[in-house]
Amino acid sequence: MRRSYGCPPQIGGDHVIEALSQIAPVTFVRGNNDDSDGYDIIRVTIGDRRILLTHIYRPELLHQDVDVIVFGHSHQPRNEVVSGVLLFNPASAGPRRFKLPVMVGVIEGKRAYHIELAR
């Protein structure tokens, strides 16, 4: 089964999108280090989950008609339900940012979790 990957943290260059596209379809928003202001929004539906992708989370996004908000910017892992909406920051899988863990976030069906990567 091919899966879609969302990329809310900084992408790091079009070569990353091209490489991921060889694995599965990719839906992404650019971040503030990708020549964007980080406020773009893309909505996708995967299965029965309505997902909003953005780089910079803002509380007013909780009023959108979505089940999940995936965002990056802070690189701080987050997996929390607020007002019935899953707020999910997958963290950063690239070079260590600040003193934050290097990890990836995964959403499978109704389950969301993080996997720390050895560095």
PDB file of N, CA and C in Angstrom:
ATOM      1  N   MET A   1       0.836  -1.181   0.000  1.00  0.00           N
ATOM      2  CA  MET A   1       0.000   0.000   0.000  1.00  0.00           C
ATOM      3  C   MET A   1       0.878   1.240   0.000  1.00  0.00           C
ATOM      4  N   ARG A   2       0.633   2.137  -0.920  1.00  0.00           N
ATOM      5  CA  ARG A   2       1.374   3.397  -0.968  1.00  0.00           C
ATOM      6  C   ARG A   2       0.725   4.400  -0.030  1.00  0.00           C
ATOM      7  N   ARG A   3       1.526   5.148   0.661  1.00  0.00           N
ATOM      8  CA  ARG A   3       1.016   6.119   1.623  1.00  0.00           C
ATOM      9  C   ARG A   3       1.378   7.519   1.200  1.00  0.00           C
ATOM     10  N   SER A   4       0.602   8.476   1.667  1.00  0.00           N
ATOM     11  CA  SER A   4       0.918   9.885   1.440  1.00  0.00           C
ATOM     12  C   SER A   4       1.741  10.392   2.604  1.00  0.00           C
ATOM     13  N   TYR A   5       2.699  11.232   2.325  1.00  0.00           N
ATOM     14  CA  TYR A   5       3.530  11.820   3.354  1.00  0.00           C
ATOM     15  C   TYR A   5       3.290  13.321   3.377  1.00  0.00           C
ATOM     16  N   GLY A   6       3.076  13.866   4.560  1.00  0.00           N
ATOM     17  CA  GLY A   6       2.970  15.309   4.713  1.00  0.00           C
ATOM     18  C   GLY A   6       4.286  15.833   5.236  1.00  0.00           C
ATOM     19  N   CYS A   7       4.671  16.989   4.816  1.00  0.00           N
ATOM     20  CA  CYS A   7       5.976  17.542   5.205  1.00  0.00           C
ATOM     21  C   CYS A   7       5.834  18.939   5.773  1.00  0.00           C
ATOM     22  N   PRO A   8       5.309  19.108   6.993  1.00  0.00           N
ATOM     23  CA  PRO A   8       5.200  20.447   7.538  1.00  0.00           C
ATOM     24  C   PRO A   8       6.506  21.076   8.010  1.00  0.00           C
ATOM     25  N   PRO A   9       7.500  20.324   8.518  1.00  0.00           N
ATOM     26  CA  PRO A   9       8.741  21.008   8.871  1.00  0.00           C
ATOM     27  C   PRO A   9       9.444  21.490   7.606  1.00  0.00           C
ATOM     28  N   GLN A  10      10.561  22.204   7.773  1.00  0.00           N
ATOM     29  CA  GLN A  10      11.303  22.644   6.603  1.00  0.00           C
ATOM     30  C   GLN A  10      11.605  21.449   5.715  1.00  0.00           C
ATOM     31  N   ILE A  11      11.438  21.619   4.433  1.00  0.00           N
ATOM     32  CA  ILE A  11      11.630  20.524   3.492  1.00  0.00           C
ATOM     33  C   ILE A  11      13.110  20.292   3.227  1.00  0.00           C
ATOM     34  N   GLY A  12      13.873  21.354   3.085  1.00  0.00           N
ATOM     35  CA  GLY A  12      15.299  21.205   2.875  1.00  0.00           C
ATOM     36  C   GLY A  12      15.709  21.151   1.414  1.00  0.00           C
ATOM     37  N   GLY A  13      14.779  21.387   0.528  1.00  0.00           N
ATOM     38  CA  GLY A  13      15.101  21.410  -0.899  1.00  0.00           C
ATOM     39  C   GLY A  13      14.182  20.509  -1.699  1.00  0.00           C
ATOM     40  N   ASP A  14      14.028  20.853  -2.968  1.00  0.00           N
ATOM     41  CA  ASP A  14      13.151  20.077  -3.837  1.00  0.00           C
ATOM     42  C   ASP A  14      13.639  18.648  -4.026  1.00  0.00           C
ATOM     43  N   HIS A  15      14.942  18.406  -3.844  1.00  0.00           N
ATOM     44  CA  HIS A  15      15.452  17.045  -3.989  1.00  0.00           C
ATOM     45  C   HIS A  15      14.832  16.104  -2.954  1.00  0.00           C
ATOM     46  N   VAL A  16      14.460  16.624  -1.793  1.00  0.00           N
ATOM     47  CA  VAL A  16      13.816  15.798  -0.763  1.00  0.00           C
ATOM     48  C   VAL A  16      12.425  15.384  -1.232  1.00  0.00           C
ATOM     49  N   ILE A  17      11.668  16.331  -1.787  1.00  0.00           N
ATOM     50  CA  ILE A  17      10.336  16.021  -2.313  1.00  0.00           C
ATOM     51  C   ILE A  17      10.444  15.017  -3.452  1.00  0.00           C
ATOM     52  N   GLU A  18      11.418  15.208  -4.332  1.00  0.00           N
ATOM     53  CA  GLU A  18      11.607  14.278  -5.452  1.00  0.00           C
ATOM     54  C   GLU A  18      11.916  12.871  -4.952  1.00  0.00           C
ATOM     55  N   ALA A  19      12.767  12.756  -3.938  1.00  0.00           N
ATOM     56  CA  ALA A  19      13.110  11.436  -3.390  1.00  0.00           C
ATOM     57  C   ALA A  19      11.899  10.779  -2.731  1.00  0.00           C
ATOM     58  N   LEU A  20      11.143  11.549  -1.943  1.00  0.00           N
ATOM     59  CA  LEU A  20       9.949  10.992  -1.303  1.00  0.00           C
ATOM     60  C   LEU A  20       8.898  10.594  -2.339  1.00  0.00           C
ATOM     61  N   SER A  21       8.809  11.349  -3.422  1.00  0.00           N
ATOM     62  CA  SER A  21       7.835  11.047  -4.479  1.00  0.00           C
ATOM     63  C   SER A  21       8.111   9.708  -5.152  1.00  0.00           C
ATOM     64  N   GLN A  22       9.344   9.230  -5.056  1.00  0.00           N
ATOM     65  CA  GLN A  22       9.675   7.916  -5.605  1.00  0.00           C
ATOM     66  C   GLN A  22       9.102   6.794  -4.738  1.00  0.00           C
ATOM     67  N   ILE A  23       8.783   7.111  -3.485  1.00  0.00           N
ATOM     68  CA  ILE A  23       8.238   6.132  -2.544  1.00  0.00           C
ATOM     69  C   ILE A  23       6.716   6.155  -2.553  1.00  0.00           C
ATOM     70  N   ALA A  24       6.144   7.357  -2.539  1.00  0.00           N
ATOM     71  CA  ALA A  24       4.689   7.513  -2.437  1.00  0.00           C
ATOM     72  C   ALA A  24       4.312   8.926  -2.852  1.00  0.00           C
ATOM     73  N   PRO A  25       3.018   9.156  -3.113  1.00  0.00           N
ATOM     74  CA  PRO A  25       2.573  10.528  -3.398  1.00  0.00           C
ATOM     75  C   PRO A  25       2.898  11.441  -2.211  1.00  0.00           C
ATOM     76  N   VAL A  26       3.259  12.678  -2.502  1.00  0.00           N
ATOM     77  CA  VAL A  26       3.659  13.626  -1.463  1.00  0.00           C
ATOM     78  C   VAL A  26       2.755  14.849  -1.513  1.00  0.00           C
ATOM     79  N   THR A  27       2.259  15.238  -0.360  1.00  0.00           N
ATOM     80  CA  THR A  27       1.521  16.487  -0.184  1.00  0.00           C
ATOM     81  C   THR A  27       2.301  17.302   0.839  1.00  0.00           C
ATOM     82  N   PHE A  28       2.597  18.557   0.549  1.00  0.00           N
ATOM     83  CA  PHE A  28       3.447  19.317   1.463  1.00  0.00           C
ATOM     84  C   PHE A  28       3.119  20.801   1.430  1.00  0.00           C
ATOM     85  N   VAL A  29       3.550  21.486   2.471  1.00  0.00           N
ATOM     86  CA  VAL A  29       3.573  22.944   2.508  1.00  0.00           C
ATOM     87  C   VAL A  29       5.021  23.347   2.784  1.00  0.00           C
ATOM     88  N   ARG A  30       5.398  24.486   2.266  1.00  0.00           N
ATOM     89  CA  ARG A  30       6.761  24.974   2.500  1.00  0.00           C
ATOM     90  C   ARG A  30       6.808  25.747   3.815  1.00  0.00           C
ATOM     91  N   GLY A  31       7.980  25.689   4.457  1.00  0.00           N
ATOM     92  CA  GLY A  31       8.172  26.382   5.720  1.00  0.00           C
ATOM     93  C   GLY A  31       8.920  27.683   5.550  1.00  0.00           C
ATOM     94  N   ASN A  32       9.155  28.352   6.665  1.00  0.00           N
ATOM     95  CA  ASN A  32       9.807  29.656   6.633  1.00  0.00           C
ATOM     96  C   ASN A  32      11.260  29.571   6.161  1.00  0.00           C
ATOM     97  N   ASN A  33      11.887  28.419   6.191  1.00  0.00           N
ATOM     98  CA  ASN A  33      13.237  28.261   5.649  1.00  0.00           C
ATOM     99  C   ASN A  33      13.215  27.765   4.207  1.00  0.00           C
ATOM    100  N   ASP A  34      12.027  27.649   3.637  1.00  0.00           N
ATOM    101  CA  ASP A  34      11.855  27.209   2.252  1.00  0.00           C
ATOM    102  C   ASP A  34      11.335  28.347   1.380  1.00  0.00           C
ATOM    103  N   ASP A  35      11.713  29.569   1.686  1.00  0.00           N
ATOM    104  CA  ASP A  35      11.261  30.744   0.934  1.00  0.00           C
ATOM    105  C   ASP A  35       9.750  30.915   0.982  1.00  0.00           C
ATOM    106  N   SER A  36       9.155  30.650   2.124  1.00  0.00           N
ATOM    107  CA  SER A  36       7.723  30.824   2.339  1.00  0.00           C
ATOM    108  C   SER A  36       7.537  31.483   3.697  1.00  0.00           C
ATOM    109  N   ASP A  37       6.370  32.088   3.903  1.00  0.00           N
ATOM    110  CA  ASP A  37       6.108  32.663   5.224  1.00  0.00           C
ATOM    111  C   ASP A  37       5.644  31.596   6.215  1.00  0.00           C
ATOM    112  N   GLY A  38       5.359  30.393   5.735  1.00  0.00           N
ATOM    113  CA  GLY A  38       4.966  29.299   6.616  1.00  0.00           C
ATOM    114  C   GLY A  38       3.494  29.258   6.954  1.00  0.00           C
ATOM    115  N   TYR A  39       2.690  30.155   6.369  1.00  0.00           N
ATOM    116  CA  TYR A  39       1.271  30.226   6.710  1.00  0.00           C
ATOM    117  C   TYR A  39       0.360  29.551   5.687  1.00  0.00           C
ATOM    118  N   ASP A  40       0.930  28.946   4.642  1.00  0.00           N
ATOM    119  CA  ASP A  40       0.100  28.241   3.660  1.00  0.00           C
ATOM    120  C   ASP A  40      -0.655  27.097   4.331  1.00  0.00           C
ATOM    121  N   ILE A  41      -1.797  26.771   3.765  1.00  0.00           N
ATOM    122  CA  ILE A  41      -2.632  25.670   4.259  1.00  0.00           C
ATOM    123  C   ILE A  41      -3.007  24.782   3.084  1.00  0.00           C
ATOM    124  N   ILE A  42      -2.893  23.488   3.298  1.00  0.00           N
ATOM    125  CA  ILE A  42      -3.383  22.500   2.335  1.00  0.00           C
ATOM    126  C   ILE A  42      -4.270  21.539   3.110  1.00  0.00           C
ATOM    127  N   ARG A  43      -5.404  21.223   2.530  1.00  0.00           N
ATOM    128  CA  ARG A  43      -6.329  20.262   3.142  1.00  0.00           C
ATOM    129  C   ARG A  43      -6.337  18.984   2.313  1.00  0.00           C
ATOM    130  N   VAL A  44      -6.264  17.856   2.990  1.00  0.00           N
ATOM    131  CA  VAL A  44      -6.357  16.553   2.330  1.00  0.00           C
ATOM    132  C   VAL A  44      -7.264  15.658   3.166  1.00  0.00           C
ATOM    133  N   THR A  45      -7.834  14.674   2.521  1.00  0.00           N
ATOM    134  CA  THR A  45      -8.595  13.656   3.231  1.00  0.00           C
ATOM    135  C   THR A  45      -7.937  12.327   2.945  1.00  0.00           C
ATOM    136  N   ILE A  46      -7.584  11.618   3.993  1.00  0.00           N
ATOM    137  CA  ILE A  46      -7.005  10.287   3.868  1.00  0.00           C
ATOM    138  C   ILE A  46      -7.899   9.358   4.675  1.00  0.00           C
ATOM    139  N   GLY A  47      -8.518   8.406   3.976  1.00  0.00           N
ATOM    140  CA  GLY A  47      -9.527   7.584   4.640  1.00  0.00           C
ATOM    141  C   GLY A  47     -10.673   8.483   5.037  1.00  0.00           C
ATOM    142  N   ASP A  48     -11.033   8.454   6.305  1.00  0.00           N
ATOM    143  CA  ASP A  48     -12.096   9.336   6.781  1.00  0.00           C
ATOM    144  C   ASP A  48     -11.541  10.506   7.602  1.00  0.00           C
ATOM    145  N   ARG A  49     -10.218  10.706   7.564  1.00  0.00           N
ATOM    146  CA  ARG A  49      -9.593  11.787   8.339  1.00  0.00           C
ATOM    147  C   ARG A  49      -9.396  13.027   7.479  1.00  0.00           C
ATOM    148  N   ARG A  50      -9.980  14.134   7.924  1.00  0.00           N
ATOM    149  CA  ARG A  50      -9.793  15.438   7.267  1.00  0.00           C
ATOM    150  C   ARG A  50      -8.576  16.091   7.906  1.00  0.00           C
ATOM    151  N   ILE A  51      -7.545  16.308   7.093  1.00  0.00           N
ATOM    152  CA  ILE A  51      -6.251  16.754   7.601  1.00  0.00           C
ATOM    153  C   ILE A  51      -5.912  18.124   7.023  1.00  0.00           C
ATOM    154  N   LEU A  52      -5.436  19.000   7.884  1.00  0.00           N
ATOM    155  CA  LEU A  52      -4.957  20.311   7.480  1.00  0.00           C
ATOM    156  C   LEU A  52      -3.445  20.320   7.695  1.00  0.00           C
ATOM    157  N   LEU A  53      -2.695  20.632   6.647  1.00  0.00           N
ATOM    158  CA  LEU A  53      -1.239  20.773   6.736  1.00  0.00           C
ATOM    159  C   LEU A  53      -0.894  22.246   6.716  1.00  0.00           C
ATOM    160  N   THR A  54      -0.044  22.669   7.623  1.00  0.00           N
ATOM    161  CA  THR A  54       0.483  24.024   7.628  1.00  0.00           C
ATOM    162  C   THR A  54       1.848  23.975   8.286  1.00  0.00           C
ATOM    163  N   HIS A  55       2.628  24.990   8.125  1.00  0.00           N
ATOM    164  CA  HIS A  55       3.938  24.987   8.771  1.00  0.00           C
ATOM    165  C   HIS A  55       3.852  25.598  10.167  1.00  0.00           C
ATOM    166  N   ILE A  56       3.179  26.721  10.276  1.00  0.00           N
ATOM    167  CA  ILE A  56       3.091  27.421  11.557  1.00  0.00           C
ATOM    168  C   ILE A  56       1.675  27.264  12.117  1.00  0.00           C
ATOM    169  N   TYR A  57       1.573  26.596  13.267  1.00  0.00           N
ATOM    170  CA  TYR A  57       0.269  26.411  13.916  1.00  0.00           C
ATOM    171  C   TYR A  57      -0.205  27.724  14.521  1.00  0.00           C
ATOM    172  N   ARG A  58      -1.502  27.999  14.337  1.00  0.00           N
ATOM    173  CA  ARG A  58      -2.158  29.143  14.953  1.00  0.00           C
ATOM    174  C   ARG A  58      -3.454  28.659  15.590  1.00  0.00           C
ATOM    175  N   PRO A  59      -3.782  29.096  16.799  1.00  0.00           N
ATOM    176  CA  PRO A  59      -4.983  28.616  17.495  1.00  0.00           C
ATOM    177  C   PRO A  59      -6.278  28.772  16.693  1.00  0.00           C
ATOM    178  N   GLU A  60      -6.372  29.785  15.837  1.00  0.00           N
ATOM    179  CA  GLU A  60      -7.608  29.967  15.059  1.00  0.00           C
ATOM    180  C   GLU A  60      -7.851  28.812  14.085  1.00  0.00           C
ATOM    181  N   LEU A  61      -6.829  28.013  13.809  1.00  0.00           N
ATOM    182  CA  LEU A  61      -7.016  26.857  12.926  1.00  0.00           C
ATOM    183  C   LEU A  61      -7.917  25.796  13.553  1.00  0.00           C
ATOM    184  N   LEU A  62      -8.068  25.843  14.873  1.00  0.00           N
ATOM    185  CA  LEU A  62      -8.966  24.894  15.551  1.00  0.00           C
ATOM    186  C   LEU A  62     -10.414  25.069  15.104  1.00  0.00           C
ATOM    187  N   HIS A  63     -10.736  26.197  14.502  1.00  0.00           N
ATOM    188  CA  HIS A  63     -12.105  26.454  14.047  1.00  0.00           C
ATOM    189  C   HIS A  63     -12.353  25.917  12.641  1.00  0.00           C
ATOM    190  N   GLN A  64     -11.327  25.355  12.014  1.00  0.00           N
ATOM    191  CA  GLN A  64     -11.480  24.753  10.686  1.00  0.00           C
ATOM    192  C   GLN A  64     -12.215  23.421  10.843  1.00  0.00           C
ATOM    193  N   ASP A  65     -12.867  22.977   9.795  1.00  0.00           N
ATOM    194  CA  ASP A  65     -13.606  21.713   9.810  1.00  0.00           C
ATOM    195  C   ASP A  65     -12.650  20.568   9.473  1.00  0.00           C
ATOM    196  N   VAL A  66     -11.799  20.197  10.457  1.00  0.00           N
ATOM    197  CA  VAL A  66     -10.799  19.153  10.255  1.00  0.00           C
ATOM    198  C   VAL A  66     -10.721  18.252  11.477  1.00  0.00           C
ATOM    199  N   ASP A  67     -10.126  17.085  11.275  1.00  0.00           N
ATOM    200  CA  ASP A  67      -9.892  16.140  12.366  1.00  0.00           C
ATOM    201  C   ASP A  67      -8.467  16.228  12.894  1.00  0.00           C
ATOM    202  N   VAL A  68      -7.530  16.608  12.007  1.00  0.00           N
ATOM    203  CA  VAL A  68      -6.107  16.623  12.342  1.00  0.00           C
ATOM    204  C   VAL A  68      -5.477  17.893  11.771  1.00  0.00           C
ATOM    205  N   ILE A  69      -4.617  18.527  12.567  1.00  0.00           N
ATOM    206  CA  ILE A  69      -3.780  19.622  12.081  1.00  0.00           C
ATOM    207  C   ILE A  69      -2.336  19.165  12.243  1.00  0.00           C
ATOM    208  N   VAL A  70      -1.625  19.062  11.124  1.00  0.00           N
ATOM    209  CA  VAL A  70      -0.213  18.683  11.136  1.00  0.00           C
ATOM    210  C   VAL A  70       0.586  19.947  10.836  1.00  0.00           C
ATOM    211  N   PHE A  71       1.574  20.217  11.671  1.00  0.00           N
ATOM    212  CA  PHE A  71       2.348  21.442  11.538  1.00  0.00           C
ATOM    213  C   PHE A  71       3.787  21.199  11.958  1.00  0.00           C
ATOM    214  N   GLY A  72       4.652  22.152  11.695  1.00  0.00           N
ATOM    215  CA  GLY A  72       6.066  22.019  12.038  1.00  0.00           C
ATOM    216  C   GLY A  72       6.547  23.238  12.787  1.00  0.00           C
ATOM    217  N   HIS A  73       7.455  23.979  12.196  1.00  0.00           N
ATOM    218  CA  HIS A  73       8.023  25.239  12.656  1.00  0.00           C
ATOM    219  C   HIS A  73       8.833  25.115  13.946  1.00  0.00           C
ATOM    220  N   SER A  74       8.218  24.734  15.054  1.00  0.00           N
ATOM    221  CA  SER A  74       8.936  24.687  16.333  1.00  0.00           C
ATOM    222  C   SER A  74       9.837  23.459  16.447  1.00  0.00           C
ATOM    223  N   HIS A  75       9.566  22.437  15.653  1.00  0.00           N
ATOM    224  CA  HIS A  75      10.299  21.162  15.686  1.00  0.00           C
ATOM    225  C   HIS A  75      10.090  20.423  17.000  1.00  0.00           C
ATOM    226  N   GLN A  76       9.184  20.888  17.831  1.00  0.00           N
ATOM    227  CA  GLN A  76       8.881  20.214  19.092  1.00  0.00           C
ATOM    228  C   GLN A  76       7.799  19.182  18.855  1.00  0.00           C
ATOM    229  N   PRO A  77       8.063  17.922  19.174  1.00  0.00           N
ATOM    230  CA  PRO A  77       7.037  16.906  18.965  1.00  0.00           C
ATOM    231  C   PRO A  77       5.766  17.257  19.747  1.00  0.00           C
ATOM    232  N   ARG A  78       4.632  17.083  19.094  1.00  0.00           N
ATOM    233  CA  ARG A  78       3.356  17.341  19.756  1.00  0.00           C
ATOM    234  C   ARG A  78       2.342  16.325  19.253  1.00  0.00           C
ATOM    235  N   ASN A  79       1.588  15.781  20.168  1.00  0.00           N
ATOM    236  CA  ASN A  79       0.567  14.790  19.864  1.00  0.00           C
ATOM    237  C   ASN A  79      -0.528  14.970  20.917  1.00  0.00           C
ATOM    238  N   GLU A  80      -1.454  15.864  20.628  1.00  0.00           N
ATOM    239  CA  GLU A  80      -2.438  16.274  21.631  1.00  0.00           C
ATOM    240  C   GLU A  80      -3.777  16.561  20.956  1.00  0.00           C
ATOM    241  N   VAL A  81      -4.848  16.142  21.598  1.00  0.00           N
ATOM    242  CA  VAL A  81      -6.178  16.449  21.096  1.00  0.00           C
ATOM    243  C   VAL A  81      -6.695  17.673  21.848  1.00  0.00           C
ATOM    244  N   VAL A  82      -7.077  18.704  21.085  1.00  0.00           N
ATOM    245  CA  VAL A  82      -7.619  19.938  21.645  1.00  0.00           C
ATOM    246  C   VAL A  82      -8.940  20.206  20.936  1.00  0.00           C
ATOM    247  N   SER A  83      -9.995  20.350  21.690  1.00  0.00           N
ATOM    248  CA  SER A  83     -11.325  20.626  21.134  1.00  0.00           C
ATOM    249  C   SER A  83     -11.700  19.615  20.047  1.00  0.00           C
ATOM    250  N   GLY A  84     -11.301  18.356  20.250  1.00  0.00           N
ATOM    251  CA  GLY A  84     -11.649  17.296  19.314  1.00  0.00           C
ATOM    252  C   GLY A  84     -10.766  17.209  18.083  1.00  0.00           C
ATOM    253  N   VAL A  85      -9.723  18.045  18.009  1.00  0.00           N
ATOM    254  CA  VAL A  85      -8.819  18.062  16.856  1.00  0.00           C
ATOM    255  C   VAL A  85      -7.438  17.577  17.309  1.00  0.00           C
ATOM    256  N   LEU A  86      -6.869  16.616  16.570  1.00  0.00           N
ATOM    257  CA  LEU A  86      -5.513  16.168  16.865  1.00  0.00           C
ATOM    258  C   LEU A  86      -4.532  17.209  16.359  1.00  0.00           C
ATOM    259  N   LEU A  87      -3.714  17.749  17.262  1.00  0.00           N
ATOM    260  CA  LEU A  87      -2.631  18.665  16.905  1.00  0.00           C
ATOM    261  C   LEU A  87      -1.358  17.835  16.885  1.00  0.00           C
ATOM    262  N   PHE A  88      -0.720  17.750  15.721  1.00  0.00           N
ATOM    263  CA  PHE A  88       0.410  16.841  15.569  1.00  0.00           C
ATOM    264  C   PHE A  88       1.581  17.542  14.904  1.00  0.00           C
ATOM    265  N   ASN A  89       2.679  17.648  15.655  1.00  0.00           N
ATOM    266  CA  ASN A  89       3.932  18.139  15.111  1.00  0.00           C
ATOM    267  C   ASN A  89       4.859  16.936  15.040  1.00  0.00           C
ATOM    268  N   PRO A  90       5.257  16.526  13.831  1.00  0.00           N
ATOM    269  CA  PRO A  90       6.067  15.319  13.696  1.00  0.00           C
ATOM    270  C   PRO A  90       7.508  15.472  14.173  1.00  0.00           C
ATOM    271  N   ALA A  91       7.903  16.663  14.585  1.00  0.00           N
ATOM    272  CA  ALA A  91       9.260  16.964  15.053  1.00  0.00           C
ATOM    273  C   ALA A  91      10.190  17.116  13.862  1.00  0.00           C
ATOM    274  N   SER A  92      11.469  16.850  14.049  1.00  0.00           N
ATOM    275  CA  SER A  92      12.457  17.045  12.990  1.00  0.00           C
ATOM    276  C   SER A  92      13.281  15.780  12.810  1.00  0.00           C
ATOM    277  N   ALA A  93      13.307  15.269  11.585  1.00  0.00           N
ATOM    278  CA  ALA A  93      14.074  14.070  11.274  1.00  0.00           C
ATOM    279  C   ALA A  93      15.449  14.403  10.719  1.00  0.00           C
ATOM    280  N   GLY A  94      15.695  15.676  10.488  1.00  0.00           N
ATOM    281  CA  GLY A  94      16.973  16.091   9.919  1.00  0.00           C
ATOM    282  C   GLY A  94      17.998  16.357  11.008  1.00  0.00           C
ATOM    283  N   PRO A  95      18.921  17.244  10.741  1.00  0.00           N
ATOM    284  CA  PRO A  95      19.920  17.575  11.763  1.00  0.00           C
ATOM    285  C   PRO A  95      19.241  18.090  13.033  1.00  0.00           C
ATOM    286  N   ARG A  96      19.841  17.772  14.169  1.00  0.00           N
ATOM    287  CA  ARG A  96      19.281  18.183  15.463  1.00  0.00           C
ATOM    288  C   ARG A  96      19.033  19.681  15.471  1.00  0.00           C
ATOM    289  N   ARG A  97      17.858  20.063  15.940  1.00  0.00           N
ATOM    290  CA  ARG A  97      17.485  21.471  16.077  1.00  0.00           C
ATOM    291  C   ARG A  97      17.488  21.811  17.559  1.00  0.00           C
ATOM    292  N   PHE A  98      18.276  22.800  17.910  1.00  0.00           N
ATOM    293  CA  PHE A  98      18.334  23.234  19.301  1.00  0.00           C
ATOM    294  C   PHE A  98      18.699  22.023  20.158  1.00  0.00           C
ATOM    295  N   LYS A  99      17.978  21.747  21.223  1.00  0.00           N
ATOM    296  CA  LYS A  99      18.242  20.561  22.045  1.00  0.00           C
ATOM    297  C   LYS A  99      17.080  19.577  21.945  1.00  0.00           C
ATOM    298  N   LEU A 100      16.357  19.650  20.847  1.00  0.00           N
ATOM    299  CA  LEU A 100      15.178  18.803  20.664  1.00  0.00           C
ATOM    300  C   LEU A 100      15.581  17.428  20.137  1.00  0.00           C
ATOM    301  N   PRO A 101      14.779  16.410  20.429  1.00  0.00           N
ATOM    302  CA  PRO A 101      15.104  15.078  19.913  1.00  0.00           C
ATOM    303  C   PRO A 101      14.957  15.009  18.394  1.00  0.00           C
ATOM    304  N   VAL A 102      15.730  14.133  17.771  1.00  0.00           N
ATOM    305  CA  VAL A 102      15.615  13.871  16.345  1.00  0.00           C
ATOM    306  C   VAL A 102      14.622  12.724  16.211  1.00  0.00           C
ATOM    307  N   MET A 103      13.483  12.992  15.570  1.00  0.00           N
ATOM    308  CA  MET A 103      12.440  11.966  15.482  1.00  0.00           C
ATOM    309  C   MET A 103      11.529  12.216  14.299  1.00  0.00           C
ATOM    310  N   VAL A 104      10.726  11.228  14.007  1.00  0.00           N
ATOM    311  CA  VAL A 104       9.696  11.345  12.982  1.00  0.00           C
ATOM    312  C   VAL A 104       8.353  11.099  13.635  1.00  0.00           C
ATOM    313  N   GLY A 105       7.328  11.679  13.039  1.00  0.00           N
ATOM    314  CA  GLY A 105       5.971  11.451  13.513  1.00  0.00           C
ATOM    315  C   GLY A 105       5.229  10.582  12.516  1.00  0.00           C
ATOM    316  N   VAL A 106       4.374   9.725  13.036  1.00  0.00           N
ATOM    317  CA  VAL A 106       3.605   8.804  12.207  1.00  0.00           C
ATOM    318  C   VAL A 106       2.141   8.888  12.610  1.00  0.00           C
ATOM    319  N   ILE A 107       1.266   8.960  11.607  1.00  0.00           N
ATOM    320  CA  ILE A 107      -0.169   8.845  11.845  1.00  0.00           C
ATOM    321  C   ILE A 107      -0.646   7.658  11.032  1.00  0.00           C
ATOM    322  N   GLU A 108      -1.182   6.665  11.718  1.00  0.00           N
ATOM    323  CA  GLU A 108      -1.726   5.468  11.075  1.00  0.00           C
ATOM    324  C   GLU A 108      -3.164   5.308  11.557  1.00  0.00           C
ATOM    325  N   GLY A 109      -4.100   5.557  10.667  1.00  0.00           N
ATOM    326  CA  GLY A 109      -5.503   5.480  11.066  1.00  0.00           C
ATOM    327  C   GLY A 109      -5.788   6.472  12.175  1.00  0.00           C
ATOM    328  N   LYS A 110      -6.275   5.999  13.305  1.00  0.00           N
ATOM    329  CA  LYS A 110      -6.581   6.868  14.451  1.00  0.00           C
ATOM    330  C   LYS A 110      -5.407   6.987  15.415  1.00  0.00           C
ATOM    331  N   ARG A 111      -4.316   6.286  15.143  1.00  0.00           N
ATOM    332  CA  ARG A 111      -3.159   6.271  16.035  1.00  0.00           C
ATOM    333  C   ARG A 111      -2.083   7.235  15.522  1.00  0.00           C
ATOM    334  N   ALA A 112      -1.537   8.050  16.432  1.00  0.00           N
ATOM    335  CA  ALA A 112      -0.452   8.975  16.104  1.00  0.00           C
ATOM    336  C   ALA A 112       0.658   8.781  17.143  1.00  0.00           C
ATOM    337  N   TYR A 113       1.898   8.760  16.663  1.00  0.00           N
ATOM    338  CA  TYR A 113       3.020   8.554  17.586  1.00  0.00           C
ATOM    339  C   TYR A 113       4.312   9.078  16.971  1.00  0.00           C
ATOM    340  N   HIS A 114       5.357   9.132  17.784  1.00  0.00           N
ATOM    341  CA  HIS A 114       6.678   9.580  17.357  1.00  0.00           C
ATOM    342  C   HIS A 114       7.676   8.439  17.524  1.00  0.00           C
ATOM    343  N   ILE A 115       8.683   8.428  16.664  1.00  0.00           N
ATOM    344  CA  ILE A 115       9.770   7.461  16.746  1.00  0.00           C
ATOM    345  C   ILE A 115      11.060   8.254  16.818  1.00  0.00           C
ATOM    346  N   GLU A 116      11.810   8.069  17.913  1.00  0.00           N
ATOM    347  CA  GLU A 116      13.086   8.762  18.033  1.00  0.00           C
ATOM    348  C   GLU A 116      14.120   8.047  17.170  1.00  0.00           C
ATOM    349  N   LEU A 117      14.926   8.826  16.466  1.00  0.00           N
ATOM    350  CA  LEU A 117      15.953   8.286  15.585  1.00  0.00           C
ATOM    351  C   LEU A 117      17.309   8.357  16.289  1.00  0.00           C
ATOM    352  N   ALA A 118      18.110   7.344  16.105  1.00  0.00           N
ATOM    353  CA  ALA A 118      19.450   7.343  16.703  1.00  0.00           C
ATOM    354  C   ALA A 118      20.326   8.287  15.911  1.00  0.00           C
ATOM    355  N   ARG A 119      21.021   9.147  16.576  1.00  0.00           N
ATOM    356  CA  ARG A 119      21.938  10.088  15.909  1.00  0.00           C
ATOM    357  C   ARG A 119      23.252  10.092  16.635  1.00  0.00           C
TER     358      ARG A 119
END
